[in-house]
PDB file of all heavy atoms in Angstrom:
ATOM      1  N   PRO A   1      48.510 -50.209 -78.665  1.00  0.00           N
ATOM      2  CA  PRO A   1      48.978 -49.684 -77.403  1.00  0.00           C
ATOM      3  C   PRO A   1      50.341 -50.217 -77.023  1.00  0.00           C
ATOM      4  O   PRO A   1      50.571 -51.423 -77.185  1.00  0.00           O
ATOM      5  CB  PRO A   1      47.880 -50.122 -76.413  1.00  0.00           C
ATOM      6  CG  PRO A   1      46.627 -50.285 -77.228  1.00  0.00           C
ATOM      7  CD  PRO A   1      47.148 -50.793 -78.577  1.00  0.00           C
ATOM      8  N   ASP A   2      51.215 -49.405 -76.536  1.00  0.00           N
ATOM      9  CA  ASP A   2      52.538 -49.805 -76.123  1.00  0.00           C
ATOM     10  C   ASP A   2      52.447 -50.585 -74.799  1.00  0.00           C
ATOM     11  O   ASP A   2      52.155 -49.976 -73.753  1.00  0.00           O
ATOM     12  CB  ASP A   2      53.379 -48.558 -75.937  1.00  0.00           C
ATOM     13  CG  ASP A   2      54.881 -48.896 -75.720  1.00  0.00           C
ATOM     14  OD1 ASP A   2      55.188 -49.997 -75.262  1.00  0.00           O
ATOM     15  OD2 ASP A   2      55.747 -48.036 -75.949  1.00  0.00           O
ATOM     16  N   GLN A   3      52.634 -51.872 -74.833  1.00  0.00           N
ATOM     17  CA  GLN A   3      52.461 -52.722 -73.634  1.00  0.00           C
ATOM     18  C   GLN A   3      53.418 -52.366 -72.550  1.00  0.00           C
ATOM     19  O   GLN A   3      53.145 -52.595 -71.354  1.00  0.00           O
ATOM     20  CB  GLN A   3      52.598 -54.199 -74.052  1.00  0.00           C
ATOM     21  CG  GLN A   3      51.605 -54.685 -75.042  1.00  0.00           C
ATOM     22  CD  GLN A   3      50.168 -54.567 -74.540  1.00  0.00           C
ATOM     23  OE1 GLN A   3      49.892 -54.816 -73.410  1.00  0.00           O
ATOM     24  NE2 GLN A   3      49.277 -54.124 -75.447  1.00  0.00           N
ATOM     25  N   ARG A   4      54.573 -51.756 -72.883  1.00  0.00           N
ATOM     26  CA  ARG A   4      55.569 -51.400 -71.843  1.00  0.00           C
ATOM     27  C   ARG A   4      55.125 -50.212 -71.046  1.00  0.00           C
ATOM     28  O   ARG A   4      55.563 -50.090 -69.899  1.00  0.00           O
ATOM     29  CB  ARG A   4      56.901 -51.132 -72.508  1.00  0.00           C
ATOM     30  CG  ARG A   4      57.514 -52.319 -73.281  1.00  0.00           C
ATOM     31  CD  ARG A   4      58.652 -51.822 -74.175  1.00  0.00           C
ATOM     32  NE  ARG A   4      58.148 -50.825 -75.164  1.00  0.00           N
ATOM     33  CZ  ARG A   4      58.892 -50.234 -76.022  1.00  0.00           C
ATOM     34  NH1 ARG A   4      60.238 -50.433 -76.065  1.00  0.00           N
ATOM     35  NH2 ARG A   4      58.413 -49.380 -76.889  1.00  0.00           N
ATOM     36  N   SER A   5      54.279 -49.378 -71.595  1.00  0.00           N
ATOM     37  CA  SER A   5      53.952 -48.142 -70.905  1.00  0.00           C
ATOM     38  C   SER A   5      52.481 -47.866 -70.771  1.00  0.00           C
ATOM     39  O   SER A   5      52.080 -46.774 -70.331  1.00  0.00           O
ATOM     40  CB  SER A   5      54.628 -46.975 -71.624  1.00  0.00           C
ATOM     41  OG  SER A   5      54.140 -46.902 -72.936  1.00  0.00           O
ATOM     42  N   ILE A   6      51.606 -48.826 -71.143  1.00  0.00           N
ATOM     43  CA  ILE A   6      50.159 -48.564 -71.212  1.00  0.00           C
ATOM     44  C   ILE A   6      49.635 -48.145 -69.837  1.00  0.00           C
ATOM     45  O   ILE A   6      48.754 -47.270 -69.746  1.00  0.00           O
ATOM     46  CB  ILE A   6      49.399 -49.788 -71.752  1.00  0.00           C
ATOM     47  CG1 ILE A   6      47.887 -49.436 -71.941  1.00  0.00           C
ATOM     48  CG2 ILE A   6      49.596 -50.986 -70.887  1.00  0.00           C
ATOM     49  CD1 ILE A   6      47.620 -48.342 -72.883  1.00  0.00           C
ATOM     50  N   GLY A   7      50.107 -48.748 -68.770  1.00  0.00           N
ATOM     51  CA  GLY A   7      49.596 -48.387 -67.446  1.00  0.00           C
ATOM     52  C   GLY A   7      49.898 -46.957 -67.078  1.00  0.00           C
ATOM     53  O   GLY A   7      49.003 -46.189 -66.726  1.00  0.00           O
ATOM     54  N   THR A   8      51.164 -46.573 -67.262  1.00  0.00           N
ATOM     55  CA  THR A   8      51.512 -45.177 -67.007  1.00  0.00           C
ATOM     56  C   THR A   8      50.858 -44.205 -67.981  1.00  0.00           C
ATOM     57  O   THR A   8      50.391 -43.143 -67.559  1.00  0.00           O
ATOM     58  CB  THR A   8      53.071 -45.028 -67.124  1.00  0.00           C
ATOM     59  OG1 THR A   8      53.666 -45.929 -66.177  1.00  0.00           O
ATOM     60  CG2 THR A   8      53.496 -43.604 -66.761  1.00  0.00           C
ATOM     61  N   ASP A   9      50.786 -44.594 -69.242  1.00  0.00           N
ATOM     62  CA  ASP A   9      50.193 -43.738 -70.259  1.00  0.00           C
ATOM     63  C   ASP A   9      48.734 -43.438 -69.851  1.00  0.00           C
ATOM     64  O   ASP A   9      48.283 -42.242 -69.948  1.00  0.00           O
ATOM     65  CB  ASP A   9      50.157 -44.436 -71.620  1.00  0.00           C
ATOM     66  CG  ASP A   9      51.526 -44.375 -72.284  1.00  0.00           C
ATOM     67  OD1 ASP A   9      52.408 -43.641 -71.804  1.00  0.00           O
ATOM     68  OD2 ASP A   9      51.707 -45.049 -73.315  1.00  0.00           O
ATOM     69  N   ALA A  10      47.935 -44.469 -69.539  1.00  0.00           N
ATOM     70  CA  ALA A  10      46.516 -44.266 -69.267  1.00  0.00           C
ATOM     71  C   ALA A  10      46.350 -43.424 -68.026  1.00  0.00           C
ATOM     72  O   ALA A  10      45.470 -42.494 -67.987  1.00  0.00           O
ATOM     73  CB  ALA A  10      45.847 -45.636 -69.095  1.00  0.00           C
ATOM     74  N   ILE A  11      47.091 -43.681 -66.978  1.00  0.00           N
ATOM     75  CA  ILE A  11      46.961 -42.860 -65.741  1.00  0.00           C
ATOM     76  C   ILE A  11      47.314 -41.412 -66.005  1.00  0.00           C
ATOM     77  O   ILE A  11      46.624 -40.487 -65.592  1.00  0.00           O
ATOM     78  CB  ILE A  11      47.834 -43.457 -64.636  1.00  0.00           C
ATOM     79  CG1 ILE A  11      47.257 -44.829 -64.205  1.00  0.00           C
ATOM     80  CG2 ILE A  11      47.883 -42.509 -63.405  1.00  0.00           C
ATOM     81  CD1 ILE A  11      48.155 -45.566 -63.245  1.00  0.00           C
ATOM     82  N   ASP A  12      48.437 -41.193 -66.759  1.00  0.00           N
ATOM     83  CA  ASP A  12      48.838 -39.830 -67.033  1.00  0.00           C
ATOM     84  C   ASP A  12      47.737 -39.109 -67.840  1.00  0.00           C
ATOM     85  O   ASP A  12      47.437 -37.926 -67.581  1.00  0.00           O
ATOM     86  CB  ASP A  12      50.143 -39.803 -67.871  1.00  0.00           C
ATOM     87  CG  ASP A  12      51.334 -40.240 -67.008  1.00  0.00           C
ATOM     88  OD1 ASP A  12      51.190 -40.247 -65.746  1.00  0.00           O
ATOM     89  OD2 ASP A  12      52.398 -40.470 -67.602  1.00  0.00           O
ATOM     90  N   PHE A  13      47.150 -39.810 -68.853  1.00  0.00           N
ATOM     91  CA  PHE A  13      46.185 -39.115 -69.709  1.00  0.00           C
ATOM     92  C   PHE A  13      44.880 -38.811 -68.941  1.00  0.00           C
ATOM     93  O   PHE A  13      44.372 -37.687 -69.052  1.00  0.00           O
ATOM     94  CB  PHE A  13      45.844 -40.008 -70.922  1.00  0.00           C
ATOM     95  CG  PHE A  13      45.082 -39.257 -71.986  1.00  0.00           C
ATOM     96  CD1 PHE A  13      45.779 -38.464 -72.910  1.00  0.00           C
ATOM     97  CD2 PHE A  13      43.702 -39.333 -72.025  1.00  0.00           C
ATOM     98  CE1 PHE A  13      45.048 -37.769 -73.883  1.00  0.00           C
ATOM     99  CE2 PHE A  13      43.006 -38.627 -73.019  1.00  0.00           C
ATOM    100  CZ  PHE A  13      43.669 -37.816 -73.891  1.00  0.00           C
ATOM    101  N   ILE A  14      44.355 -39.748 -68.184  1.00  0.00           N
ATOM    102  CA  ILE A  14      43.104 -39.505 -67.503  1.00  0.00           C
ATOM    103  C   ILE A  14      43.322 -38.448 -66.381  1.00  0.00           C
ATOM    104  O   ILE A  14      42.420 -37.673 -66.099  1.00  0.00           O
ATOM    105  CB  ILE A  14      42.446 -40.773 -66.939  1.00  0.00           C
ATOM    106  CG1 ILE A  14      43.316 -41.465 -65.889  1.00  0.00           C
ATOM    107  CG2 ILE A  14      42.079 -41.699 -68.097  1.00  0.00           C
ATOM    108  CD1 ILE A  14      42.643 -42.654 -65.270  1.00  0.00           C
ATOM    109  N   ALA A  15      44.514 -38.420 -65.786  1.00  0.00           N
ATOM    110  CA  ALA A  15      44.792 -37.374 -64.794  1.00  0.00           C
ATOM    111  C   ALA A  15      44.806 -36.000 -65.445  1.00  0.00           C
ATOM    112  O   ALA A  15      44.282 -35.015 -64.900  1.00  0.00           O
ATOM    113  CB  ALA A  15      46.131 -37.674 -64.116  1.00  0.00           C
ATOM    114  N   GLU A  16      45.421 -35.876 -66.627  1.00  0.00           N
ATOM    115  CA  GLU A  16      45.456 -34.613 -67.331  1.00  0.00           C
ATOM    116  C   GLU A  16      44.054 -34.173 -67.726  1.00  0.00           C
ATOM    117  O   GLU A  16      43.788 -32.950 -67.816  1.00  0.00           O
ATOM    118  CB  GLU A  16      46.348 -34.663 -68.570  1.00  0.00           C
ATOM    119  CG  GLU A  16      47.837 -34.836 -68.296  1.00  0.00           C
ATOM    120  CD  GLU A  16      48.456 -33.616 -67.715  1.00  0.00           C
ATOM    121  OE1 GLU A  16      47.825 -32.511 -67.736  1.00  0.00           O
ATOM    122  OE2 GLU A  16      49.627 -33.706 -67.237  1.00  0.00           O
ATOM    123  N   SER A  17      43.138 -35.074 -67.933  1.00  0.00           N
ATOM    124  CA  SER A  17      41.779 -34.742 -68.284  1.00  0.00           C
ATOM    125  C   SER A  17      40.948 -34.345 -67.081  1.00  0.00           C
ATOM    126  O   SER A  17      39.810 -33.867 -67.225  1.00  0.00           O
ATOM    127  CB  SER A  17      41.078 -35.924 -68.979  1.00  0.00           C
ATOM    128  OG  SER A  17      40.669 -36.902 -68.051  1.00  0.00           O
ATOM    129  N   GLY A  18      41.527 -34.452 -65.928  1.00  0.00           N
ATOM    130  CA  GLY A  18      40.767 -34.201 -64.694  1.00  0.00           C
ATOM    131  C   GLY A  18      39.979 -35.433 -64.279  1.00  0.00           C
ATOM    132  O   GLY A  18      38.963 -35.303 -63.571  1.00  0.00           O
ATOM    133  N   PHE A  19      40.383 -36.578 -64.674  1.00  0.00           N
ATOM    134  CA  PHE A  19      39.715 -37.878 -64.435  1.00  0.00           C
ATOM    135  C   PHE A  19      38.315 -37.836 -65.021  1.00  0.00           C
ATOM    136  O   PHE A  19      37.365 -38.362 -64.434  1.00  0.00           O
ATOM    137  CB  PHE A  19      39.706 -38.202 -62.958  1.00  0.00           C
ATOM    138  CG  PHE A  19      41.064 -38.402 -62.374  1.00  0.00           C
ATOM    139  CD1 PHE A  19      41.687 -37.431 -61.631  1.00  0.00           C
ATOM    140  CD2 PHE A  19      41.807 -39.581 -62.600  1.00  0.00           C
ATOM    141  CE1 PHE A  19      42.957 -37.561 -61.153  1.00  0.00           C
ATOM    142  CE2 PHE A  19      43.075 -39.738 -62.083  1.00  0.00           C
ATOM    143  CZ  PHE A  19      43.653 -38.738 -61.379  1.00  0.00           C
ATOM    144  N   VAL A  20      38.191 -37.286 -66.228  1.00  0.00           N
ATOM    145  CA  VAL A  20      36.935 -37.275 -66.951  1.00  0.00           C
ATOM    146  C   VAL A  20      36.936 -38.297 -68.078  1.00  0.00           C
ATOM    147  O   VAL A  20      35.980 -38.992 -68.319  1.00  0.00           O
ATOM    148  CB  VAL A  20      36.656 -35.877 -67.533  1.00  0.00           C
ATOM    149  CG1 VAL A  20      35.302 -35.839 -68.314  1.00  0.00           C
ATOM    150  CG2 VAL A  20      36.587 -34.805 -66.409  1.00  0.00           C
ATOM    151  N   CYS A  21      38.095 -38.439 -68.728  1.00  0.00           N
ATOM    152  CA  CYS A  21      38.241 -39.385 -69.876  1.00  0.00           C
ATOM    153  C   CYS A  21      38.254 -40.836 -69.387  1.00  0.00           C
ATOM    154  O   CYS A  21      38.856 -41.095 -68.327  1.00  0.00           O
ATOM    155  CB  CYS A  21      39.494 -39.056 -70.676  1.00  0.00           C
ATOM    156  SG  CYS A  21      39.389 -37.536 -71.637  1.00  0.00           S
ATOM    157  N   ASN A  22      37.673 -41.714 -70.146  1.00  0.00           N
ATOM    158  CA  ASN A  22      37.617 -43.122 -69.835  1.00  0.00           C
ATOM    159  C   ASN A  22      39.006 -43.749 -70.136  1.00  0.00           C
ATOM    160  O   ASN A  22      39.534 -43.581 -71.228  1.00  0.00           O
ATOM    161  CB  ASN A  22      36.535 -43.782 -70.682  1.00  0.00           C
ATOM    162  CG  ASN A  22      36.352 -45.245 -70.384  1.00  0.00           C
ATOM    163  OD1 ASN A  22      37.223 -46.084 -70.638  1.00  0.00           O
ATOM    164  ND2 ASN A  22      35.162 -45.581 -69.859  1.00  0.00           N
ATOM    165  N   ALA A  23      39.539 -44.439 -69.148  1.00  0.00           N
ATOM    166  CA  ALA A  23      40.894 -45.014 -69.275  1.00  0.00           C
ATOM    167  C   ALA A  23      41.023 -45.989 -70.451  1.00  0.00           C
ATOM    168  O   ALA A  23      42.058 -46.004 -71.141  1.00  0.00           O
ATOM    169  CB  ALA A  23      41.314 -45.710 -67.972  1.00  0.00           C
ATOM    170  N   ALA A  24      40.008 -46.786 -70.696  1.00  0.00           N
ATOM    171  CA  ALA A  24      40.094 -47.774 -71.784  1.00  0.00           C
ATOM    172  C   ALA A  24      39.871 -47.078 -73.156  1.00  0.00           C
ATOM    173  O   ALA A  24      40.515 -47.461 -74.140  1.00  0.00           O
ATOM    174  CB  ALA A  24      39.037 -48.843 -71.577  1.00  0.00           C
ATOM    175  N   ALA A  25      39.022 -46.081 -73.207  1.00  0.00           N
ATOM    176  CA  ALA A  25      38.696 -45.443 -74.494  1.00  0.00           C
ATOM    177  C   ALA A  25      39.843 -44.538 -74.968  1.00  0.00           C
ATOM    178  O   ALA A  25      40.010 -44.318 -76.162  1.00  0.00           O
ATOM    179  CB  ALA A  25      37.401 -44.648 -74.389  1.00  0.00           C
ATOM    180  N   TYR A  26      40.598 -43.974 -73.983  1.00  0.00           N
ATOM    181  CA  TYR A  26      41.553 -42.949 -74.371  1.00  0.00           C
ATOM    182  C   TYR A  26      43.009 -43.212 -73.837  1.00  0.00           C
ATOM    183  O   TYR A  26      43.916 -42.483 -74.217  1.00  0.00           O
ATOM    184  CB  TYR A  26      41.136 -41.568 -73.866  1.00  0.00           C
ATOM    185  CG  TYR A  26      39.820 -41.122 -74.430  1.00  0.00           C
ATOM    186  CD1 TYR A  26      38.647 -41.172 -73.662  1.00  0.00           C
ATOM    187  CD2 TYR A  26      39.747 -40.642 -75.744  1.00  0.00           C
ATOM    188  CE1 TYR A  26      37.407 -40.787 -74.219  1.00  0.00           C
ATOM    189  CE2 TYR A  26      38.514 -40.268 -76.274  1.00  0.00           C
ATOM    190  CZ  TYR A  26      37.386 -40.319 -75.502  1.00  0.00           C
ATOM    191  OH  TYR A  26      36.189 -39.940 -76.040  1.00  0.00           O
ATOM    192  N   GLY A  27      43.194 -44.235 -73.075  1.00  0.00           N
ATOM    193  CA  GLY A  27      44.515 -44.489 -72.486  1.00  0.00           C
ATOM    194  C   GLY A  27      45.589 -44.857 -73.459  1.00  0.00           C
ATOM    195  O   GLY A  27      46.779 -44.771 -73.173  1.00  0.00           O
TER     196      GLY A  27
END
């Protein structure tokens, strides 16, 4: 995981999933 962007990456991804995907499993 890219430590510089992991926070933004995870939020962006789970938001695109409709907050269904687990942030740790898919972020």
